[in-house]
Amino acid sequence: MTAQGNVIMYSTTWCGYCRRLKSQLDREGIAYTEIDIEQDPSAVAVVEKANNGNRTVPTVVVTPAGGAPDVTMTNPSLAEVKQALAA
């Protein structure tokens, strides 16, 4: 976990929304861990649980630095990720 919190992005290589969010996070200097659900079968269960059985990506789990509970979001905006990190 970094000082700013922890961001995990569940994605696929072909997902345009994933590529967009990754480039926005990179531009803002926000560190994240990317998990390709097509390469990690255990990650599929996390994504399906968060999305009512659907394999919707990007699914992002943010652990805020301030100790607030984890926030799970589907296809969040950069602003939503930043807000979750600040919690």
N, C-alpha and C. Protein backbone atom coordinates (compact mmCIF):
# COMPACT_ATOMS: atom_id res chain seq x y z
N MET A 1 0.84 -1.18 0.00
CA MET A 1 0.00 0.00 0.00
C MET A 1 0.89 1.25 0.00
N THR A 2 0.58 2.20 -0.84
CA THR A 2 1.34 3.43 -0.89
C THR A 2 0.75 4.45 0.08
N ALA A 3 1.43 5.58 0.24
CA ALA A 3 0.94 6.63 1.13
C ALA A 3 -0.40 7.18 0.65
N GLN A 4 -0.66 7.08 -0.65
CA GLN A 4 -1.91 7.62 -1.18
C GLN A 4 -3.05 6.61 -1.15
N GLY A 5 -2.79 5.41 -0.74
CA GLY A 5 -3.79 4.37 -0.76
C GLY A 5 -3.39 3.32 -1.78
N ASN A 6 -4.28 2.40 -2.02
CA ASN A 6 -3.98 1.29 -2.92
C ASN A 6 -5.10 1.16 -3.94
N VAL A 7 -4.71 1.03 -5.22
CA VAL A 7 -5.68 0.88 -6.29
C VAL A 7 -5.38 -0.42 -7.03
N ILE A 8 -6.39 -1.26 -7.16
CA ILE A 8 -6.29 -2.49 -7.95
C ILE A 8 -7.31 -2.38 -9.08
N MET A 9 -6.83 -2.55 -10.31
CA MET A 9 -7.71 -2.49 -11.47
C MET A 9 -7.78 -3.87 -12.11
N TYR A 10 -8.98 -4.41 -12.17
CA TYR A 10 -9.23 -5.67 -12.88
C TYR A 10 -9.59 -5.30 -14.30
N SER A 11 -8.88 -5.86 -15.27
CA SER A 11 -9.05 -5.43 -16.65
C SER A 11 -8.84 -6.59 -17.62
N THR A 12 -8.89 -6.25 -18.91
CA THR A 12 -8.51 -7.16 -19.99
C THR A 12 -7.64 -6.36 -20.96
N THR A 13 -6.94 -7.05 -21.83
CA THR A 13 -6.07 -6.36 -22.78
C THR A 13 -6.87 -5.63 -23.86
N TRP A 14 -8.08 -6.08 -24.16
CA TRP A 14 -8.87 -5.52 -25.25
C TRP A 14 -9.83 -4.41 -24.82
N CYS A 15 -9.88 -4.10 -23.55
CA CYS A 15 -10.87 -3.15 -23.01
C CYS A 15 -10.40 -1.71 -23.20
N GLY A 16 -11.13 -0.97 -24.04
CA GLY A 16 -10.81 0.44 -24.27
C GLY A 16 -11.01 1.31 -23.04
N TYR A 17 -12.03 1.02 -22.24
CA TYR A 17 -12.26 1.79 -21.02
C TYR A 17 -11.12 1.58 -20.04
N CYS A 18 -10.58 0.35 -20.01
CA CYS A 18 -9.43 0.05 -19.14
C CYS A 18 -8.21 0.85 -19.59
N ARG A 19 -7.95 0.85 -20.89
CA ARG A 19 -6.79 1.60 -21.42
C ARG A 19 -6.92 3.09 -21.10
N ARG A 20 -8.12 3.62 -21.25
CA ARG A 20 -8.33 5.04 -20.97
C ARG A 20 -8.06 5.36 -19.50
N LEU A 21 -8.62 4.56 -18.59
CA LEU A 21 -8.42 4.82 -17.17
C LEU A 21 -6.96 4.64 -16.78
N LYS A 22 -6.29 3.62 -17.34
CA LYS A 22 -4.86 3.44 -17.04
C LYS A 22 -4.06 4.66 -17.46
N SER A 23 -4.33 5.19 -18.64
CA SER A 23 -3.56 6.35 -19.10
C SER A 23 -3.85 7.57 -18.23
N GLN A 24 -5.08 7.73 -17.76
CA GLN A 24 -5.41 8.85 -16.87
C GLN A 24 -4.71 8.70 -15.52
N LEU A 25 -4.69 7.49 -14.98
CA LEU A 25 -4.00 7.25 -13.71
C LEU A 25 -2.51 7.50 -13.86
N ASP A 26 -1.94 7.02 -14.96
CA ASP A 26 -0.51 7.25 -15.22
C ASP A 26 -0.22 8.74 -15.29
N ARG A 27 -1.03 9.47 -16.02
CA ARG A 27 -0.82 10.91 -16.19
C ARG A 27 -0.88 11.64 -14.85
N GLU A 28 -1.76 11.18 -13.95
CA GLU A 28 -1.91 11.81 -12.64
C GLU A 28 -0.90 11.29 -11.61
N GLY A 29 -0.10 10.29 -12.00
CA GLY A 29 0.89 9.73 -11.07
C GLY A 29 0.29 8.87 -9.99
N ILE A 30 -0.87 8.30 -10.26
CA ILE A 30 -1.54 7.43 -9.29
C ILE A 30 -1.12 5.99 -9.57
N ALA A 31 -0.47 5.38 -8.61
CA ALA A 31 0.00 4.01 -8.76
C ALA A 31 -1.19 3.04 -8.66
N TYR A 32 -1.10 1.96 -9.41
CA TYR A 32 -2.15 0.94 -9.37
C TYR A 32 -1.55 -0.41 -9.73
N THR A 33 -2.24 -1.44 -9.31
CA THR A 33 -1.89 -2.80 -9.69
C THR A 33 -2.94 -3.27 -10.67
N GLU A 34 -2.50 -3.75 -11.82
CA GLU A 34 -3.44 -4.24 -12.84
C GLU A 34 -3.48 -5.76 -12.81
N ILE A 35 -4.68 -6.30 -12.82
CA ILE A 35 -4.87 -7.74 -12.87
C ILE A 35 -5.75 -8.06 -14.08
N ASP A 36 -5.18 -8.81 -15.03
CA ASP A 36 -5.90 -9.22 -16.24
C ASP A 36 -6.75 -10.43 -15.89
N ILE A 37 -8.07 -10.26 -15.94
CA ILE A 37 -8.96 -11.36 -15.53
C ILE A 37 -8.90 -12.55 -16.49
N GLU A 38 -8.40 -12.33 -17.68
CA GLU A 38 -8.27 -13.45 -18.62
C GLU A 38 -7.02 -14.29 -18.32
N GLN A 39 -6.11 -13.74 -17.54
CA GLN A 39 -4.89 -14.46 -17.17
C GLN A 39 -4.93 -14.98 -15.73
N ASP A 40 -5.84 -14.47 -14.92
CA ASP A 40 -5.93 -14.83 -13.51
C ASP A 40 -7.36 -15.27 -13.19
N PRO A 41 -7.62 -16.57 -13.25
CA PRO A 41 -8.99 -17.07 -13.02
C PRO A 41 -9.59 -16.67 -11.67
N SER A 42 -8.77 -16.52 -10.64
CA SER A 42 -9.31 -16.15 -9.33
C SER A 42 -9.83 -14.71 -9.35
N ALA A 43 -9.32 -13.88 -10.26
CA ALA A 43 -9.78 -12.49 -10.36
C ALA A 43 -11.18 -12.41 -10.95
N VAL A 44 -11.54 -13.39 -11.76
CA VAL A 44 -12.88 -13.41 -12.36
C VAL A 44 -13.94 -13.41 -11.27
N ALA A 45 -13.72 -14.17 -10.20
CA ALA A 45 -14.70 -14.25 -9.11
C ALA A 45 -14.87 -12.89 -8.43
N VAL A 46 -13.80 -12.15 -8.28
CA VAL A 46 -13.87 -10.82 -7.66
C VAL A 46 -14.72 -9.89 -8.53
N VAL A 47 -14.47 -9.91 -9.83
CA VAL A 47 -15.20 -9.04 -10.76
C VAL A 47 -16.67 -9.44 -10.82
N GLU A 48 -16.95 -10.73 -10.92
CA GLU A 48 -18.34 -11.19 -10.98
C GLU A 48 -19.10 -10.83 -9.71
N LYS A 49 -18.45 -10.96 -8.55
CA LYS A 49 -19.11 -10.64 -7.29
C LYS A 49 -19.46 -9.16 -7.23
N ALA A 50 -18.57 -8.31 -7.73
CA ALA A 50 -18.80 -6.86 -7.69
C ALA A 50 -19.84 -6.41 -8.71
N ASN A 51 -20.10 -7.23 -9.73
CA ASN A 51 -20.95 -6.81 -10.84
C ASN A 51 -22.12 -7.75 -11.09
N ASN A 52 -22.70 -8.27 -10.03
CA ASN A 52 -23.89 -9.12 -10.12
C ASN A 52 -23.73 -10.26 -11.12
N GLY A 53 -22.55 -10.89 -11.11
CA GLY A 53 -22.31 -12.04 -11.97
C GLY A 53 -21.73 -11.70 -13.33
N ASN A 54 -21.60 -10.43 -13.64
CA ASN A 54 -21.05 -10.01 -14.94
C ASN A 54 -19.54 -9.81 -14.85
N ARG A 55 -18.88 -10.00 -15.97
CA ARG A 55 -17.43 -9.80 -16.05
C ARG A 55 -17.14 -8.41 -16.63
N THR A 56 -17.59 -7.39 -15.94
CA THR A 56 -17.47 -6.02 -16.41
C THR A 56 -16.14 -5.42 -15.95
N VAL A 57 -15.39 -4.89 -16.92
CA VAL A 57 -14.12 -4.23 -16.61
C VAL A 57 -14.11 -2.84 -17.23
N PRO A 58 -13.37 -1.90 -16.66
CA PRO A 58 -12.56 -2.08 -15.48
C PRO A 58 -13.40 -2.11 -14.20
N THR A 59 -13.05 -3.02 -13.34
CA THR A 59 -13.54 -3.02 -11.97
C THR A 59 -12.36 -2.61 -11.11
N VAL A 60 -12.56 -1.60 -10.30
CA VAL A 60 -11.47 -1.02 -9.52
C VAL A 60 -11.79 -1.13 -8.04
N VAL A 61 -10.81 -1.60 -7.26
CA VAL A 61 -10.94 -1.66 -5.81
C VAL A 61 -9.92 -0.69 -5.23
N VAL A 62 -10.42 0.28 -4.46
CA VAL A 62 -9.56 1.29 -3.84
C VAL A 62 -9.55 1.07 -2.33
N THR A 63 -8.35 0.98 -1.76
CA THR A 63 -8.18 0.98 -0.32
C THR A 63 -7.64 2.35 0.05
N PRO A 64 -8.47 3.21 0.64
CA PRO A 64 -8.02 4.56 0.96
C PRO A 64 -6.92 4.55 2.01
N ALA A 65 -6.03 5.54 1.94
CA ALA A 65 -4.93 5.65 2.90
C ALA A 65 -5.44 5.98 4.29
N GLY A 66 -6.59 6.65 4.38
CA GLY A 66 -7.11 7.09 5.67
C GLY A 66 -7.75 6.00 6.51
N GLY A 67 -7.79 4.77 6.03
CA GLY A 67 -8.35 3.69 6.81
C GLY A 67 -9.83 3.43 6.58
N ALA A 68 -10.44 4.17 5.67
CA ALA A 68 -11.84 3.92 5.34
C ALA A 68 -11.97 2.56 4.67
N PRO A 69 -13.16 1.97 4.65
CA PRO A 69 -13.34 0.66 4.00
C PRO A 69 -13.03 0.73 2.50
N ASP A 70 -12.69 -0.43 1.95
CA ASP A 70 -12.44 -0.53 0.51
C ASP A 70 -13.66 -0.05 -0.27
N VAL A 71 -13.40 0.56 -1.43
CA VAL A 71 -14.45 1.01 -2.33
C VAL A 71 -14.27 0.25 -3.63
N THR A 72 -15.33 -0.42 -4.09
CA THR A 72 -15.30 -1.15 -5.36
C THR A 72 -16.18 -0.39 -6.35
N MET A 73 -15.59 -0.12 -7.54
CA MET A 73 -16.30 0.66 -8.55
C MET A 73 -16.18 -0.03 -9.90
N THR A 74 -17.21 0.12 -10.72
CA THR A 74 -17.19 -0.41 -12.08
C THR A 74 -17.09 0.75 -13.05
N ASN A 75 -16.08 0.69 -13.92
CA ASN A 75 -15.83 1.72 -14.92
C ASN A 75 -15.87 3.13 -14.32
N PRO A 76 -15.07 3.35 -13.26
CA PRO A 76 -15.10 4.67 -12.63
C PRO A 76 -14.37 5.72 -13.45
N SER A 77 -14.70 6.96 -13.19
CA SER A 77 -13.96 8.08 -13.78
C SER A 77 -12.71 8.31 -12.94
N LEU A 78 -11.79 9.06 -13.49
CA LEU A 78 -10.59 9.43 -12.73
C LEU A 78 -10.98 10.17 -11.47
N ALA A 79 -11.95 11.05 -11.55
CA ALA A 79 -12.41 11.82 -10.39
C ALA A 79 -12.94 10.90 -9.29
N GLU A 80 -13.67 9.85 -9.68
CA GLU A 80 -14.21 8.91 -8.68
C GLU A 80 -13.08 8.14 -7.99
N VAL A 81 -12.06 7.76 -8.74
CA VAL A 81 -10.92 7.05 -8.13
C VAL A 81 -10.20 7.98 -7.15
N LYS A 82 -9.98 9.23 -7.57
CA LYS A 82 -9.30 10.20 -6.70
C LYS A 82 -10.13 10.46 -5.43
N GLN A 83 -11.44 10.55 -5.58
CA GLN A 83 -12.30 10.77 -4.42
C GLN A 83 -12.22 9.59 -3.46
N ALA A 84 -12.22 8.37 -3.99
CA ALA A 84 -12.13 7.18 -3.13
C ALA A 84 -10.79 7.13 -2.40
N LEU A 85 -9.72 7.52 -3.08
CA LEU A 85 -8.40 7.54 -2.45
C LEU A 85 -8.34 8.54 -1.30
N ALA A 86 -9.06 9.63 -1.43
CA ALA A 86 -9.03 10.70 -0.42
C ALA A 86 -9.88 10.39 0.80
N ALA A 87 -10.70 9.37 0.73
CA ALA A 87 -11.63 9.05 1.83
C ALA A 87 -10.89 8.69 3.11
